[in-house]
Amino acid sequence: MPSWPMPATCRWWNFLASLPEHKTVLLDCVPTAENLAQRAFEILDAVYRDSYGKQLRLERLRLYETPNCWAEAICE
């Protein structure tokens, strides 16, 4: 559930809340494959740095939309 109150008449929220084991994720960007890949890279990069220091580094993340279509986030 969100941290803000949703009106009981909000049909889309009631629909999502009715789905078993559904988790709604709210983003501060448009959820394109490119934006999702970049956000995932940022999250995982921080985890890698905290866990492995300089011994292991995340350099690239590839997020597949279909077998022939993907978005990449690359370490700069």
C-alpha atoms as a PDB file:
ATOM      1  CA  MET A   1       0.000   0.000   0.000  1.00  0.00           C
ATOM      2  CA  PRO A   2       1.196   3.539  -0.672  1.00  0.00           C
ATOM      3  CA  SER A   3       2.287   5.896   2.071  1.00  0.00           C
ATOM      4  CA  TRP A   4      -0.509   8.303   1.090  1.00  0.00           C
ATOM      5  CA  PRO A   5      -4.233   7.618   1.447  1.00  0.00           C
ATOM      6  CA  MET A   6      -6.007   6.404  -1.679  1.00  0.00           C
ATOM      7  CA  PRO A   7      -9.728   7.126  -2.009  1.00  0.00           C
ATOM      8  CA  ALA A   8     -11.967   4.059  -1.802  1.00  0.00           C
ATOM      9  CA  THR A   9     -13.364   5.002  -5.219  1.00  0.00           C
ATOM     10  CA  CYS A  10      -9.979   4.820  -6.952  1.00  0.00           C
ATOM     11  CA  ARG A  11     -10.771   2.004  -9.401  1.00  0.00           C
ATOM     12  CA  TRP A  12      -7.244   1.301 -10.650  1.00  0.00           C
ATOM     13  CA  TRP A  13      -5.868   1.092  -7.103  1.00  0.00           C
ATOM     14  CA  ASN A  14      -8.667  -1.217  -5.993  1.00  0.00           C
ATOM     15  CA  PHE A  15      -7.985  -3.424  -9.020  1.00  0.00           C
ATOM     16  CA  LEU A  16      -4.247  -3.654  -8.250  1.00  0.00           C
ATOM     17  CA  ALA A  17      -4.950  -4.280  -4.559  1.00  0.00           C
ATOM     18  CA  SER A  18      -7.236  -7.195  -5.535  1.00  0.00           C
ATOM     19  CA  LEU A  19      -4.472  -9.085  -7.378  1.00  0.00           C
ATOM     20  CA  PRO A  20      -2.932 -11.815  -5.209  1.00  0.00           C
ATOM     21  CA  GLU A  21       0.746 -11.211  -4.400  1.00  0.00           C
ATOM     22  CA  HIS A  22       0.871  -8.143  -6.683  1.00  0.00           C
ATOM     23  CA  LYS A  23       3.399  -5.462  -5.780  1.00  0.00           C
ATOM     24  CA  THR A  24       3.028  -2.017  -7.276  1.00  0.00           C
ATOM     25  CA  VAL A  25       6.262  -0.121  -7.792  1.00  0.00           C
ATOM     26  CA  LEU A  26       6.170   3.647  -8.168  1.00  0.00           C
ATOM     27  CA  LEU A  27       9.079   5.264  -9.988  1.00  0.00           C
ATOM     28  CA  ASP A  28      10.224   8.835 -10.351  1.00  0.00           C
ATOM     29  CA  CYS A  29      10.711   8.303 -14.097  1.00  0.00           C
ATOM     30  CA  VAL A  30       8.869   6.889 -17.095  1.00  0.00           C
ATOM     31  CA  PRO A  31       9.243   3.069 -16.842  1.00  0.00           C
ATOM     32  CA  THR A  32      10.993   2.487 -20.171  1.00  0.00           C
ATOM     33  CA  ALA A  33      13.442  -0.388 -20.526  1.00  0.00           C
ATOM     34  CA  GLU A  34      16.275   2.151 -20.652  1.00  0.00           C
ATOM     35  CA  ASN A  35      15.196   3.849 -17.427  1.00  0.00           C
ATOM     36  CA  LEU A  36      14.589   0.508 -15.667  1.00  0.00           C
ATOM     37  CA  ALA A  37      18.033  -0.739 -16.733  1.00  0.00           C
ATOM     38  CA  GLN A  38      19.674   2.439 -15.445  1.00  0.00           C
ATOM     39  CA  ARG A  39      17.816   2.281 -12.113  1.00  0.00           C
ATOM     40  CA  ALA A  40      18.666  -1.420 -11.674  1.00  0.00           C
ATOM     41  CA  PHE A  41      22.312  -0.653 -12.464  1.00  0.00           C
ATOM     42  CA  GLU A  42      22.392   2.095  -9.808  1.00  0.00           C
ATOM     43  CA  ILE A  43      20.899  -0.216  -7.174  1.00  0.00           C
ATOM     44  CA  LEU A  44      23.134  -3.184  -7.997  1.00  0.00           C
ATOM     45  CA  ASP A  45      26.267  -1.048  -8.352  1.00  0.00           C
ATOM     46  CA  ALA A  46      25.827   0.182  -4.776  1.00  0.00           C
ATOM     47  CA  VAL A  47      25.317  -3.397  -3.544  1.00  0.00           C
ATOM     48  CA  TYR A  48      28.432  -4.605  -5.387  1.00  0.00           C
ATOM     49  CA  ARG A  49      30.549  -1.755  -3.968  1.00  0.00           C
ATOM     50  CA  ASP A  50      29.286  -2.394  -0.419  1.00  0.00           C
ATOM     51  CA  SER A  51      29.802  -6.155  -0.685  1.00  0.00           C
ATOM     52  CA  TYR A  52      32.993  -6.462  -2.708  1.00  0.00           C
ATOM     53  CA  GLY A  53      34.776  -3.117  -2.511  1.00  0.00           C
ATOM     54  CA  LYS A  54      37.305  -2.940  -5.345  1.00  0.00           C
ATOM     55  CA  GLN A  55      37.507  -6.722  -5.803  1.00  0.00           C
ATOM     56  CA  LEU A  56      34.448  -6.931  -8.062  1.00  0.00           C
ATOM     57  CA  ARG A  57      32.799  -4.167 -10.066  1.00  0.00           C
ATOM     58  CA  LEU A  58      29.557  -4.012 -12.011  1.00  0.00           C
ATOM     59  CA  GLU A  59      30.364  -2.771 -15.500  1.00  0.00           C
ATOM     60  CA  ARG A  60      27.259  -3.486 -17.559  1.00  0.00           C
ATOM     61  CA  LEU A  61      23.638  -4.457 -17.064  1.00  0.00           C
ATOM     62  CA  ARG A  62      21.448  -5.706 -19.911  1.00  0.00           C
ATOM     63  CA  LEU A  63      17.657  -5.803 -19.499  1.00  0.00           C
ATOM     64  CA  TYR A  64      15.805  -7.836 -22.123  1.00  0.00           C
ATOM     65  CA  GLU A  65      12.341  -6.800 -23.314  1.00  0.00           C
ATOM     66  CA  THR A  66      12.231  -9.598 -25.899  1.00  0.00           C
ATOM     67  CA  PRO A  67      14.893 -12.055 -27.129  1.00  0.00           C
ATOM     68  CA  ASN A  68      16.011  -9.487 -29.736  1.00  0.00           C
ATOM     69  CA  CYS A  69      15.391  -6.215 -27.913  1.00  0.00           C
ATOM     70  CA  TRP A  70      17.192  -4.932 -24.833  1.00  0.00           C
ATOM     71  CA  ALA A  71      18.423  -1.866 -23.027  1.00  0.00           C
ATOM     72  CA  GLU A  72      21.852  -1.523 -21.451  1.00  0.00           C
ATOM     73  CA  ALA A  73      23.292   0.524 -18.652  1.00  0.00           C
ATOM     74  CA  ILE A  74      27.088   0.830 -18.670  1.00  0.00           C
ATOM     75  CA  CYS A  75      29.511   2.046 -16.017  1.00  0.00           C
ATOM     76  CA  GLU A  76      30.869   5.478 -16.905  1.00  0.00           C
END
